[in-house]
C-alpha cells in the first residue's frame, strides 16, 4: 500500500481522501514513513485525516515517524489537545520509541563536505 496524506481544506476533496483511505486498508507488511509531522501546522481537516490514517493502521501496519518535537509540542501541529492525545494514544500503544540526542547526521555531512571543499 502506498499511503498518501492529503491536507485538503475543501470538504468534498477531504471526503474523497477519506474514501481512498478506507478503500485501501494497509497490508500486513506495509510501512508508512512520516518525516517531521510537526514541521508545518496542519489544517483542522488535515489533522483529522491524519488521525483517521493512524487509526486505520493501528495494529495492522507499521508506521515510522521521525520528529524533533517532544510529544508535548505536538498540540501545536495537530491543533487541539484532545485530537493530539487520541492520536498519540494510538501511536504509542505498541511502539518502540528511540530518542536520539546529538548532532544531526545531515548537518555533520554538510559540514564535512564544506570542510573538504575548503581544503
PDB file of N, CA and C in Angstrom:
ATOM      1  N   UNK A   1       0.849  -1.175   0.000  1.00  0.00           N
ATOM      2  CA  UNK A   1       0.000   0.000   0.000  1.00  0.00           C
ATOM      3  C   UNK A   1       0.890   1.231   0.000  1.00  0.00           C
ATOM      4  N   UNK A   2       0.601   2.143  -0.854  1.00  0.00           N
ATOM      5  CA  UNK A   2       1.294   3.413  -0.768  1.00  0.00           C
ATOM      6  C   UNK A   2       0.323   4.400  -0.152  1.00  0.00           C
ATOM      7  N   UNK A   3       0.720   4.986   0.936  1.00  0.00           N
ATOM      8  CA  UNK A   3      -0.156   5.914   1.644  1.00  0.00           C
ATOM      9  C   UNK A   3       0.169   7.329   1.211  1.00  0.00           C
ATOM     10  N   UNK A   4      -0.851   8.084   0.948  1.00  0.00           N
ATOM     11  CA  UNK A   4      -0.686   9.475   0.562  1.00  0.00           C
ATOM     12  C   UNK A   4      -1.468  10.322   1.539  1.00  0.00           C
ATOM     13  N   UNK A   5      -0.810  11.293   2.132  1.00  0.00           N
ATOM     14  CA  UNK A   5      -1.503  12.194   3.036  1.00  0.00           C
ATOM     15  C   UNK A   5      -2.024  13.373   2.242  1.00  0.00           C
ATOM     16  N   UNK A   6      -3.263  13.696   2.461  1.00  0.00           N
ATOM     17  CA  UNK A   6      -3.879  14.814   1.767  1.00  0.00           C
ATOM     18  C   UNK A   6      -4.280  15.856   2.794  1.00  0.00           C
ATOM     19  N   UNK A   7      -3.794  17.057   2.646  1.00  0.00           N
ATOM     20  CA  UNK A   7      -4.145  18.133   3.562  1.00  0.00           C
ATOM     21  C   UNK A   7      -5.248  19.000   2.980  1.00  0.00           C
ATOM     22  N   UNK A   8      -6.250  18.387   2.384  1.00  0.00           N
ATOM     23  CA  UNK A   8      -7.314  19.123   1.707  1.00  0.00           C
ATOM     24  C   UNK A   8      -8.099  19.992   2.678  1.00  0.00           C
ATOM     25  N   UNK A   9      -8.409  21.184   2.241  1.00  0.00           N
ATOM     26  CA  UNK A   9      -9.249  22.071   3.040  1.00  0.00           C
ATOM     27  C   UNK A   9     -10.692  22.044   2.533  1.00  0.00           C
ATOM     28  N   UNK A  10     -10.853  21.670   1.298  1.00  0.00           N
ATOM     29  CA  UNK A  10     -12.166  21.589   0.677  1.00  0.00           C
ATOM     30  C   UNK A  10     -12.856  20.315   1.173  1.00  0.00           C
ATOM     31  N   UNK A  11     -14.084  20.434   1.649  1.00  0.00           N
ATOM     32  CA  UNK A  11     -14.747  19.276   2.267  1.00  0.00           C
ATOM     33  C   UNK A  11     -14.998  18.154   1.275  1.00  0.00           C
ATOM     34  N   UNK A  12     -15.290  18.456   0.002  1.00  0.00           N
ATOM     35  CA  UNK A  12     -15.524  17.372  -0.959  1.00  0.00           C
ATOM     36  C   UNK A  12     -14.221  16.634  -1.262  1.00  0.00           C
ATOM     37  N   UNK A  13     -13.106  17.371  -1.320  1.00  0.00           N
ATOM     38  CA  UNK A  13     -11.807  16.719  -1.520  1.00  0.00           C
ATOM     39  C   UNK A  13     -11.441  15.880  -0.317  1.00  0.00           C
ATOM     40  N   UNK A  14     -11.713  16.401   0.874  1.00  0.00           N
ATOM     41  CA  UNK A  14     -11.417  15.665   2.101  1.00  0.00           C
ATOM     42  C   UNK A  14     -12.222  14.372   2.144  1.00  0.00           C
ATOM     43  N   UNK A  15     -13.477  14.423   1.703  1.00  0.00           N
ATOM     44  CA  UNK A  15     -14.310  13.224   1.662  1.00  0.00           C
ATOM     45  C   UNK A  15     -13.718  12.201   0.710  1.00  0.00           C
ATOM     46  N   UNK A  16     -13.205  12.660  -0.447  1.00  0.00           N
ATOM     47  CA  UNK A  16     -12.550  11.754  -1.397  1.00  0.00           C
ATOM     48  C   UNK A  16     -11.343  11.094  -0.762  1.00  0.00           C
ATOM     49  N   UNK A  17     -10.561  11.877  -0.021  1.00  0.00           N
ATOM     50  CA  UNK A  17      -9.379  11.329   0.652  1.00  0.00           C
ATOM     51  C   UNK A  17      -9.790  10.248   1.650  1.00  0.00           C
ATOM     52  N   UNK A  18     -10.832  10.513   2.410  1.00  0.00           N
ATOM     53  CA  UNK A  18     -11.296   9.520   3.390  1.00  0.00           C
ATOM     54  C   UNK A  18     -11.729   8.240   2.692  1.00  0.00           C
ATOM     55  N   UNK A  19     -12.455   8.378   1.580  1.00  0.00           N
ATOM     56  CA  UNK A  19     -12.900   7.190   0.845  1.00  0.00           C
ATOM     57  C   UNK A  19     -11.710   6.375   0.362  1.00  0.00           C
ATOM     58  N   UNK A  20     -10.690   7.043  -0.173  1.00  0.00           N
ATOM     59  CA  UNK A  20      -9.495   6.333  -0.641  1.00  0.00           C
ATOM     60  C   UNK A  20      -8.805   5.633   0.522  1.00  0.00           C
ATOM     61  N   UNK A  21      -8.725   6.303   1.652  1.00  0.00           N
ATOM     62  CA  UNK A  21      -8.062   5.711   2.823  1.00  0.00           C
ATOM     63  C   UNK A  21      -8.799   4.461   3.289  1.00  0.00           C
ATOM     64  N   UNK A  22     -10.127   4.499   3.315  1.00  0.00           N
ATOM     65  CA  UNK A  22     -10.900   3.342   3.760  1.00  0.00           C
ATOM     66  C   UNK A  22     -10.900   2.236   2.715  1.00  0.00           C
ATOM     67  N   UNK A  23     -10.784   2.590   1.436  1.00  0.00           N
ATOM     68  CA  UNK A  23     -10.844   1.598   0.364  1.00  0.00           C
ATOM     69  C   UNK A  23      -9.591   0.736   0.310  1.00  0.00           C
ATOM     70  N   UNK A  24      -8.474   1.240   0.803  1.00  0.00           N
ATOM     71  CA  UNK A  24      -7.218   0.507   0.703  1.00  0.00           C
ATOM     72  C   UNK A  24      -6.602   0.309   2.085  1.00  0.00           C
ATOM     73  N   UNK A  25      -7.114  -0.651   2.855  1.00  0.00           N
ATOM     74  CA  UNK A  25      -6.545  -0.879   4.181  1.00  0.00           C
ATOM     75  C   UNK A  25      -5.102  -1.335   4.058  1.00  0.00           C
ATOM     76  N   UNK A  26      -4.286  -1.054   5.069  1.00  0.00           N
ATOM     77  CA  UNK A  26      -2.877  -1.411   4.993  1.00  0.00           C
ATOM     78  C   UNK A  26      -2.674  -2.912   4.954  1.00  0.00           C
ATOM     79  N   UNK A  27      -1.699  -3.335   4.185  1.00  0.00           N
ATOM     80  CA  UNK A  27      -1.349  -4.741   4.117  1.00  0.00           C
ATOM     81  C   UNK A  27      -0.514  -5.122   5.329  1.00  0.00           C
ATOM     82  N   UNK A  28      -0.309  -6.412   5.553  1.00  0.00           N
ATOM     83  CA  UNK A  28       0.409  -6.857   6.744  1.00  0.00           C
ATOM     84  C   UNK A  28       1.877  -6.440   6.766  1.00  0.00           C
ATOM     85  N   UNK A  29       2.458  -6.164   5.629  1.00  0.00           N
ATOM     86  CA  UNK A  29       3.872  -5.799   5.589  1.00  0.00           C
ATOM     87  C   UNK A  29       4.101  -4.372   5.130  1.00  0.00           C
ATOM     88  N   UNK A  30       3.071  -3.582   5.089  1.00  0.00           N
ATOM     89  CA  UNK A  30       3.229  -2.217   4.612  1.00  0.00           C
ATOM     90  C   UNK A  30       3.896  -1.353   5.675  1.00  0.00           C
ATOM     91  N   UNK A  31       4.644  -0.369   5.224  1.00  0.00           N
ATOM     92  CA  UNK A  31       5.301   0.577   6.113  1.00  0.00           C
ATOM     93  C   UNK A  31       4.952   1.977   5.656  1.00  0.00           C
ATOM     94  N   UNK A  32       4.470   2.769   6.571  1.00  0.00           N
ATOM     95  CA  UNK A  32       4.201   4.177   6.311  1.00  0.00           C
ATOM     96  C   UNK A  32       5.262   4.969   7.042  1.00  0.00           C
ATOM     97  N   UNK A  33       5.984   5.810   6.325  1.00  0.00           N
ATOM     98  CA  UNK A  33       7.028   6.637   6.936  1.00  0.00           C
ATOM     99  C   UNK A  33       6.601   8.090   6.857  1.00  0.00           C
ATOM    100  N   UNK A  34       6.573   8.733   8.008  1.00  0.00           N
ATOM    101  CA  UNK A  34       6.215  10.147   8.070  1.00  0.00           C
ATOM    102  C   UNK A  34       7.389  10.881   8.704  1.00  0.00           C
ATOM    103  N   UNK A  35       7.923  11.834   7.962  1.00  0.00           N
ATOM    104  CA  UNK A  35       9.087  12.576   8.420  1.00  0.00           C
ATOM    105  C   UNK A  35       8.649  13.963   8.872  1.00  0.00           C
ATOM    106  N   UNK A  36       8.939  14.293  10.109  1.00  0.00           N
ATOM    107  CA  UNK A  36       8.668  15.606  10.690  1.00  0.00           C
ATOM    108  C   UNK A  36       7.208  16.062  10.568  1.00  0.00           C
ATOM    109  N   UNK A  37       6.291  15.372  11.230  1.00  0.00           N
ATOM    110  CA  UNK A  37       4.893  15.816  11.163  1.00  0.00           C
ATOM    111  C   UNK A  37       4.678  17.191  11.787  1.00  0.00           C
ATOM    112  N   UNK A  38       5.582  17.649  12.619  1.00  0.00           N
ATOM    113  CA  UNK A  38       5.419  18.940  13.278  1.00  0.00           C
ATOM    114  C   UNK A  38       6.068  20.105  12.559  1.00  0.00           C
ATOM    115  N   UNK A  39       6.636  19.851  11.388  1.00  0.00           N
ATOM    116  CA  UNK A  39       7.349  20.906  10.675  1.00  0.00           C
ATOM    117  C   UNK A  39       6.409  22.038  10.257  1.00  0.00           C
ATOM    118  N   UNK A  40       5.223  21.677   9.784  1.00  0.00           N
ATOM    119  CA  UNK A  40       4.224  22.666   9.367  1.00  0.00           C
ATOM    120  C   UNK A  40       2.910  22.329  10.072  1.00  0.00           C
ATOM    121  N   UNK A  41       2.298  23.315  10.750  1.00  0.00           N
ATOM    122  CA  UNK A  41       0.997  23.046  11.383  1.00  0.00           C
ATOM    123  C   UNK A  41      -0.031  22.605  10.345  1.00  0.00           C
ATOM    124  N   UNK A  42      -0.885  21.679  10.724  1.00  0.00           N
ATOM    125  CA  UNK A  42      -1.899  21.151   9.816  1.00  0.00           C
ATOM    126  C   UNK A  42      -3.211  21.908   9.967  1.00  0.00           C
ATOM    127  N   UNK A  43      -3.986  21.924   8.885  1.00  0.00           N
ATOM    128  CA  UNK A  43      -5.345  22.447   8.984  1.00  0.00           C
ATOM    129  C   UNK A  43      -6.148  21.476   9.849  1.00  0.00           C
ATOM    130  N   UNK A  44      -7.305  21.896  10.305  1.00  0.00           N
ATOM    131  CA  UNK A  44      -8.161  21.030  11.124  1.00  0.00           C
ATOM    132  C   UNK A  44      -8.490  19.750  10.359  1.00  0.00           C
ATOM    133  N   UNK A  45      -8.849  19.896   9.093  1.00  0.00           N
ATOM    134  CA  UNK A  45      -9.197  18.732   8.278  1.00  0.00           C
ATOM    135  C   UNK A  45      -7.982  17.839   8.058  1.00  0.00           C
ATOM    136  N   UNK A  46      -6.822  18.445   7.810  1.00  0.00           N
ATOM    137  CA  UNK A  46      -5.602  17.659   7.617  1.00  0.00           C
ATOM    138  C   UNK A  46      -5.255  16.850   8.852  1.00  0.00           C
ATOM    139  N   UNK A  47      -5.370  17.464  10.018  1.00  0.00           N
ATOM    140  CA  UNK A  47      -5.085  16.754  11.273  1.00  0.00           C
ATOM    141  C   UNK A  47      -6.081  15.616  11.483  1.00  0.00           C
ATOM    142  N   UNK A  48      -7.348  15.851  11.162  1.00  0.00           N
ATOM    143  CA  UNK A  48      -8.361  14.804  11.316  1.00  0.00           C
ATOM    144  C   UNK A  48      -8.102  13.645  10.363  1.00  0.00           C
ATOM    145  N   UNK A  49      -7.690  13.944   9.140  1.00  0.00           N
ATOM    146  CA  UNK A  49      -7.396  12.883   8.169  1.00  0.00           C
ATOM    147  C   UNK A  49      -6.174  12.063   8.586  1.00  0.00           C
ATOM    148  N   UNK A  50      -5.176  12.728   9.129  1.00  0.00           N
ATOM    149  CA  UNK A  50      -4.006  12.003   9.609  1.00  0.00           C
ATOM    150  C   UNK A  50      -4.393  11.096  10.777  1.00  0.00           C
ATOM    151  N   UNK A  51      -5.292  11.573  11.636  1.00  0.00           N
ATOM    152  CA  UNK A  51      -5.800  10.760  12.738  1.00  0.00           C
ATOM    153  C   UNK A  51      -6.506   9.511  12.193  1.00  0.00           C
ATOM    154  N   UNK A  52      -7.323   9.692  11.154  1.00  0.00           N
ATOM    155  CA  UNK A  52      -8.032   8.557  10.548  1.00  0.00           C
ATOM    156  C   UNK A  52      -7.013   7.558  10.001  1.00  0.00           C
ATOM    157  N   UNK A  53      -5.999   8.042   9.343  1.00  0.00           N
ATOM    158  CA  UNK A  53      -4.971   7.160   8.786  1.00  0.00           C
ATOM    159  C   UNK A  53      -4.276   6.370   9.896  1.00  0.00           C
ATOM    160  N   UNK A  54      -3.854   7.050  10.958  1.00  0.00           N
ATOM    161  CA  UNK A  54      -3.200   6.359  12.068  1.00  0.00           C
ATOM    162  C   UNK A  54      -4.148   5.373  12.737  1.00  0.00           C
ATOM    163  N   UNK A  55      -5.401   5.734  12.873  1.00  0.00           N
ATOM    164  CA  UNK A  55      -6.379   4.830  13.486  1.00  0.00           C
ATOM    165  C   UNK A  55      -6.537   3.570  12.655  1.00  0.00           C
ATOM    166  N   UNK A  56      -6.557   3.710  11.333  1.00  0.00           N
ATOM    167  CA  UNK A  56      -6.678   2.541  10.456  1.00  0.00           C
ATOM    168  C   UNK A  56      -5.465   1.634  10.550  1.00  0.00           C
ATOM    169  N   UNK A  57      -4.309   2.220  10.684  1.00  0.00           N
ATOM    170  CA  UNK A  57      -3.076   1.445  10.705  1.00  0.00           C
ATOM    171  C   UNK A  57      -2.825   0.795  12.061  1.00  0.00           C
ATOM    172  N   UNK A  58      -3.508   1.253  13.087  1.00  0.00           N
ATOM    173  CA  UNK A  58      -3.286   0.764  14.445  1.00  0.00           C
ATOM    174  C   UNK A  58      -3.330  -0.765  14.469  1.00  0.00           C
ATOM    175  N   UNK A  59      -2.202  -1.391  14.790  1.00  0.00           N
ATOM    176  CA  UNK A  59      -2.043  -2.834  14.891  1.00  0.00           C
ATOM    177  C   UNK A  59      -2.239  -3.575  13.569  1.00  0.00           C
ATOM    178  N   UNK A  60      -2.236  -2.859  12.431  1.00  0.00           N
ATOM    179  CA  UNK A  60      -2.377  -3.520  11.131  1.00  0.00           C
ATOM    180  C   UNK A  60      -1.230  -3.224  10.178  1.00  0.00           C
ATOM    181  N   UNK A  61      -0.492  -2.193  10.431  1.00  0.00           N
ATOM    182  CA  UNK A  61       0.614  -1.842   9.549  1.00  0.00           C
ATOM    183  C   UNK A  61       1.649  -1.052  10.320  1.00  0.00           C
ATOM    184  N   UNK A  62       2.894  -1.184   9.919  1.00  0.00           N
ATOM    185  CA  UNK A  62       3.976  -0.490  10.605  1.00  0.00           C
ATOM    186  C   UNK A  62       4.014   0.978  10.204  1.00  0.00           C
ATOM    187  N   UNK A  63       4.289   1.832  11.177  1.00  0.00           N
ATOM    188  CA  UNK A  63       4.402   3.257  10.937  1.00  0.00           C
ATOM    189  C   UNK A  63       5.694   3.744  11.575  1.00  0.00           C
ATOM    190  N   UNK A  64       6.480   4.469  10.803  1.00  0.00           N
ATOM    191  CA  UNK A  64       7.731   5.044  11.281  1.00  0.00           C
ATOM    192  C   UNK A  64       7.589   6.556  11.217  1.00  0.00           C
ATOM    193  N   UNK A  65       7.762   7.207  12.360  1.00  0.00           N
ATOM    194  CA  UNK A  65       7.627   8.661  12.424  1.00  0.00           C
ATOM    195  C   UNK A  65       8.917   9.235  12.984  1.00  0.00           C
ATOM    196  N   UNK A  66       9.449  10.236  12.310  1.00  0.00           N
ATOM    197  CA  UNK A  66      10.620  10.935  12.829  1.00  0.00           C
ATOM    198  C   UNK A  66      10.206  12.356  13.157  1.00  0.00           C
ATOM    199  N   UNK A  67      10.657  12.842  14.298  1.00  0.00           N
ATOM    200  CA  UNK A  67      10.296  14.193  14.716  1.00  0.00           C
ATOM    201  C   UNK A  67      11.346  14.747  15.663  1.00  0.00           C
ATOM    202  N   UNK A  68      11.572  16.038  15.563  1.00  0.00           N
ATOM    203  CA  UNK A  68      12.443  16.723  16.510  1.00  0.00           C
ATOM    204  C   UNK A  68      11.654  17.272  17.686  1.00  0.00           C
ATOM    205  N   UNK A  69      10.331  17.145  17.643  1.00  0.00           N
ATOM    206  CA  UNK A  69       9.474  17.690  18.690  1.00  0.00           C
ATOM    207  C   UNK A  69       9.195  16.662  19.781  1.00  0.00           C
ATOM    208  N   UNK A  70       9.127  17.136  21.019  1.00  0.00           N
ATOM    209  CA  UNK A  70       8.655  16.310  22.128  1.00  0.00           C
ATOM    210  C   UNK A  70       7.144  16.116  21.937  1.00  0.00           C
ATOM    211  N   UNK A  71       6.591  15.040  22.484  1.00  0.00           N
ATOM    212  CA  UNK A  71       5.153  14.808  22.357  1.00  0.00           C
ATOM    213  C   UNK A  71       4.335  16.001  22.862  1.00  0.00           C
ATOM    214  N   UNK A  72       4.814  16.665  23.910  1.00  0.00           N
ATOM    215  CA  UNK A  72       4.081  17.803  24.471  1.00  0.00           C
ATOM    216  C   UNK A  72       3.923  18.929  23.447  1.00  0.00           C
ATOM    217  N   UNK A  73       4.799  19.003  22.469  1.00  0.00           N
ATOM    218  CA  UNK A  73       4.761  20.065  21.464  1.00  0.00           C
ATOM    219  C   UNK A  73       3.881  19.718  20.258  1.00  0.00           C
ATOM    220  N   UNK A  74       3.397  18.498  20.171  1.00  0.00           N
ATOM    221  CA  UNK A  74       2.611  18.080  19.009  1.00  0.00           C
ATOM    222  C   UNK A  74       1.265  18.798  18.925  1.00  0.00           C
ATOM    223  N   UNK A  75       0.770  19.295  20.033  1.00  0.00           N
ATOM    224  CA  UNK A  75      -0.516  20.000  20.013  1.00  0.00           C
ATOM    225  C   UNK A  75      -0.459  21.211  19.080  1.00  0.00           C
ATOM    226  N   UNK A  76       0.689  21.854  18.984  1.00  0.00           N
ATOM    227  CA  UNK A  76       0.836  22.997  18.081  1.00  0.00           C
ATOM    228  C   UNK A  76       0.606  22.583  16.630  1.00  0.00           C
ATOM    229  N   UNK A  77       0.968  21.376  16.273  1.00  0.00           N
ATOM    230  CA  UNK A  77       0.791  20.881  14.909  1.00  0.00           C
ATOM    231  C   UNK A  77      -0.622  20.384  14.654  1.00  0.00           C
ATOM    232  N   UNK A  78      -1.178  19.640  15.617  1.00  0.00           N
ATOM    233  CA  UNK A  78      -2.471  18.998  15.404  1.00  0.00           C
ATOM    234  C   UNK A  78      -3.648  19.815  15.905  1.00  0.00           C
ATOM    235  N   UNK A  79      -3.382  20.951  16.539  1.00  0.00           N
ATOM    236  CA  UNK A  79      -4.448  21.900  16.836  1.00  0.00           C
ATOM    237  C   UNK A  79      -5.088  21.806  18.203  1.00  0.00           C
ATOM    238  N   UNK A  80      -5.535  20.631  18.600  1.00  0.00           N
ATOM    239  CA  UNK A  80      -6.226  20.522  19.887  1.00  0.00           C
ATOM    240  C   UNK A  80      -5.572  19.443  20.746  1.00  0.00           C
ATOM    241  N   UNK A  81      -5.656  19.634  22.048  1.00  0.00           N
ATOM    242  CA  UNK A  81      -5.108  18.637  22.967  1.00  0.00           C
ATOM    243  C   UNK A  81      -5.861  17.320  22.845  1.00  0.00           C
ATOM    244  N   UNK A  82      -7.154  17.409  22.609  1.00  0.00           N
ATOM    245  CA  UNK A  82      -7.985  16.204  22.524  1.00  0.00           C
ATOM    246  C   UNK A  82      -7.571  15.333  21.330  1.00  0.00           C
ATOM    247  N   UNK A  83      -7.435  15.951  20.161  1.00  0.00           N
ATOM    248  CA  UNK A  83      -7.036  15.206  18.966  1.00  0.00           C
ATOM    249  C   UNK A  83      -5.607  14.692  19.111  1.00  0.00           C
ATOM    250  N   UNK A  84      -4.721  15.533  19.621  1.00  0.00           N
ATOM    251  CA  UNK A  84      -3.322  15.130  19.798  1.00  0.00           C
ATOM    252  C   UNK A  84      -3.219  13.969  20.776  1.00  0.00           C
ATOM    253  N   UNK A  85      -3.957  14.036  21.868  1.00  0.00           N
ATOM    254  CA  UNK A  85      -3.952  12.953  22.851  1.00  0.00           C
ATOM    255  C   UNK A  85      -4.447  11.641  22.263  1.00  0.00           C
ATOM    256  N   UNK A  86      -5.529  11.704  21.503  1.00  0.00           N
ATOM    257  CA  UNK A  86      -6.079  10.495  20.886  1.00  0.00           C
ATOM    258  C   UNK A  86      -5.107   9.925  19.855  1.00  0.00           C
ATOM    259  N   UNK A  87      -4.477  10.809  19.091  1.00  0.00           N
ATOM    260  CA  UNK A  87      -3.518  10.383  18.080  1.00  0.00           C
ATOM    261  C   UNK A  87      -2.305   9.715  18.738  1.00  0.00           C
ATOM    262  N   UNK A  88      -1.766  10.351  19.767  1.00  0.00           N
ATOM    263  CA  UNK A  88      -0.612   9.776  20.472  1.00  0.00           C
ATOM    264  C   UNK A  88      -0.966   8.477  21.180  1.00  0.00           C
ATOM    265  N   UNK A  89      -2.197   8.372  21.656  1.00  0.00           N
ATOM    266  CA  UNK A  89      -2.653   7.143  22.292  1.00  0.00           C
ATOM    267  C   UNK A  89      -2.567   5.979  21.310  1.00  0.00           C
ATOM    268  N   UNK A  90      -2.997   6.198  20.084  1.00  0.00           N
ATOM    269  CA  UNK A  90      -2.950   5.147  19.075  1.00  0.00           C
ATOM    270  C   UNK A  90      -1.510   4.858  18.634  1.00  0.00           C
ATOM    271  N   UNK A  91      -0.728   5.913  18.489  1.00  0.00           N
ATOM    272  CA  UNK A  91       0.645   5.732  18.022  1.00  0.00           C
ATOM    273  C   UNK A  91       1.535   5.035  19.045  1.00  0.00           C
ATOM    274  N   UNK A  92       1.298   5.270  20.308  1.00  0.00           N
ATOM    275  CA  UNK A  92       2.209   4.753  21.331  1.00  0.00           C
ATOM    276  C   UNK A  92       1.723   3.465  22.004  1.00  0.00           C
ATOM    277  N   UNK A  93       0.643   2.868  21.502  1.00  0.00           N
ATOM    278  CA  UNK A  93       0.092   1.666  22.131  1.00  0.00           C
ATOM    279  C   UNK A  93       1.089   0.511  22.103  1.00  0.00           C
ATOM    280  N   UNK A  94       1.533   0.107  20.946  1.00  0.00           N
ATOM    281  CA  UNK A  94       2.571  -0.924  20.798  1.00  0.00           C
ATOM    282  C   UNK A  94       3.687  -0.273  19.991  1.00  0.00           C
ATOM    283  N   UNK A  95       4.693   0.227  20.684  1.00  0.00           N
ATOM    284  CA  UNK A  95       5.666   1.054  19.985  1.00  0.00           C
ATOM    285  C   UNK A  95       7.054   0.927  20.593  1.00  0.00           C
ATOM    286  N   UNK A  96       8.032   1.211  19.783  1.00  0.00           N
ATOM    287  CA  UNK A  96       9.407   1.371  20.248  1.00  0.00           C
ATOM    288  C   UNK A  96       9.760   2.830  19.985  1.00  0.00           C
ATOM    289  N   UNK A  97      10.057   3.565  21.035  1.00  0.00           N
ATOM    290  CA  UNK A  97      10.439   4.960  20.890  1.00  0.00           C
ATOM    291  C   UNK A  97      11.962   5.043  21.024  1.00  0.00           C
ATOM    292  N   UNK A  98      12.583   5.579  20.007  1.00  0.00           N
ATOM    293  CA  UNK A  98      14.034   5.758  20.016  1.00  0.00           C
ATOM    294  C   UNK A  98      14.311   7.240  20.153  1.00  0.00           C
ATOM    295  N   UNK A  99      14.886   7.617  21.265  1.00  0.00           N
ATOM    296  CA  UNK A  99      15.238   9.015  21.493  1.00  0.00           C
ATOM    297  C   UNK A  99      16.717   9.163  21.206  1.00  0.00           C
ATOM    298  N   UNK A 100      17.019  10.025  20.281  1.00  0.00           N
ATOM    299  CA  UNK A 100      18.404  10.213  19.872  1.00  0.00           C
ATOM    300  C   UNK A 100      18.824  11.647  20.140  1.00  0.00           C
ATOM    301  N   UNK A 101      19.838  11.795  20.944  1.00  0.00           N
ATOM    302  CA  UNK A 101      20.401  13.108  21.209  1.00  0.00           C
ATOM    303  C   UNK A 101      21.751  13.184  20.516  1.00  0.00           C
ATOM    304  N   UNK A 102      22.109  14.353  20.103  1.00  0.00           N
ATOM    305  CA  UNK A 102      23.407  14.517  19.461  1.00  0.00           C
ATOM    306  C   UNK A 102      23.272  15.332  18.190  1.00  0.00           C
ATOM    307  N   UNK A 103      24.368  15.389  17.473  1.00  0.00           N
ATOM    308  CA  UNK A 103      24.387  16.164  16.239  1.00  0.00           C
ATOM    309  C   UNK A 103      23.560  15.493  15.158  1.00  0.00           C
ATOM    310  N   UNK A 104      23.002  16.303  14.315  1.00  0.00           N
ATOM    311  CA  UNK A 104      22.246  15.830  13.166  1.00  0.00           C
ATOM    312  C   UNK A 104      23.198  15.175  12.170  1.00  0.00           C
ATOM    313  N   UNK A 105      22.817  14.023  11.641  1.00  0.00           N
ATOM    314  CA  UNK A 105      23.628  13.336  10.634  1.00  0.00           C
ATOM    315  C   UNK A 105      23.768  14.214   9.395  1.00  0.00           C
ATOM    316  N   UNK A 106      22.660  14.804   8.954  1.00  0.00           N
ATOM    317  CA  UNK A 106      22.692  15.644   7.756  1.00  0.00           C
ATOM    318  C   UNK A 106      23.583  16.863   7.963  1.00  0.00           C
ATOM    319  N   UNK A 107      23.501  17.468   9.132  1.00  0.00           N
ATOM    320  CA  UNK A 107      24.329  18.634   9.416  1.00  0.00           C
ATOM    321  C   UNK A 107      25.810  18.254   9.446  1.00  0.00           C
ATOM    322  N   UNK A 108      26.146  17.130  10.058  1.00  0.00           N
ATOM    323  CA  UNK A 108      27.552  16.711  10.102  1.00  0.00           C
ATOM    324  C   UNK A 108      28.074  16.388   8.703  1.00  0.00           C
ATOM    325  N   UNK A 109      27.251  15.784   7.859  1.00  0.00           N
ATOM    326  CA  UNK A 109      27.657  15.504   6.481  1.00  0.00           C
ATOM    327  C   UNK A 109      27.881  16.787   5.692  1.00  0.00           C
ATOM    328  N   UNK A 110      27.013  17.754   5.897  1.00  0.00           N
ATOM    329  CA  UNK A 110      27.150  19.045   5.221  1.00  0.00           C
ATOM    330  C   UNK A 110      28.437  19.745   5.647  1.00  0.00           C
ATOM    331  N   UNK A 111      28.718  19.734   6.937  1.00  0.00           N
ATOM    332  CA  UNK A 111      29.950  20.343   7.442  1.00  0.00           C
ATOM    333  C   UNK A 111      31.186  19.632   6.885  1.00  0.00           C
ATOM    334  N   UNK A 112      31.129  18.312   6.794  1.00  0.00           N
ATOM    335  CA  UNK A 112      32.259  17.543   6.263  1.00  0.00           C
ATOM    336  C   UNK A 112      32.501  17.895   4.800  1.00  0.00           C
ATOM    337  N   UNK A 113      31.428  18.039   4.014  1.00  0.00           N
ATOM    338  CA  UNK A 113      31.582  18.418   2.597  1.00  0.00           C
ATOM    339  C   UNK A 113      32.198  19.799   2.465  1.00  0.00           C
ATOM    340  N   UNK A 114      31.718  20.748   3.284  1.00  0.00           N
ATOM    341  CA  UNK A 114      32.251  22.102   3.241  1.00  0.00           C
ATOM    342  C   UNK A 114      33.719  22.137   3.642  1.00  0.00           C
ATOM    343  N   UNK A 115      34.086  21.360   4.653  1.00  0.00           N
ATOM    344  CA  UNK A 115      35.476  21.302   5.087  1.00  0.00           C
ATOM    345  C   UNK A 115      36.359  20.702   4.000  1.00  0.00           C
ATOM    346  N   UNK A 116      35.859  19.706   3.307  1.00  0.00           N
ATOM    347  CA  UNK A 116      36.601  19.052   2.238  1.00  0.00           C
ATOM    348  C   UNK A 116      36.810  19.995   1.059  1.00  0.00           C
ATOM    349  N   UNK A 117      35.808  20.804   0.726  1.00  0.00           N
ATOM    350  CA  UNK A 117      35.883  21.750  -0.381  1.00  0.00           C
ATOM    351  C   UNK A 117      36.843  22.889  -0.038  1.00  0.00           C
ATOM    352  N   UNK A 118      36.894  23.315   1.209  1.00  0.00           N
ATOM    353  CA  UNK A 118      37.744  24.428   1.643  1.00  0.00           C
ATOM    354  C   UNK A 118      39.217  24.092   1.589  1.00  0.00           C
ATOM    355  N   UNK A 119      39.536  22.799   1.686  1.00  0.00           N
ATOM    356  CA  UNK A 119      40.949  22.384   1.747  1.00  0.00           C
ATOM    357  C   UNK A 119      41.630  22.492   0.429  1.00  0.00           C
TER     358      UNK A 119
END
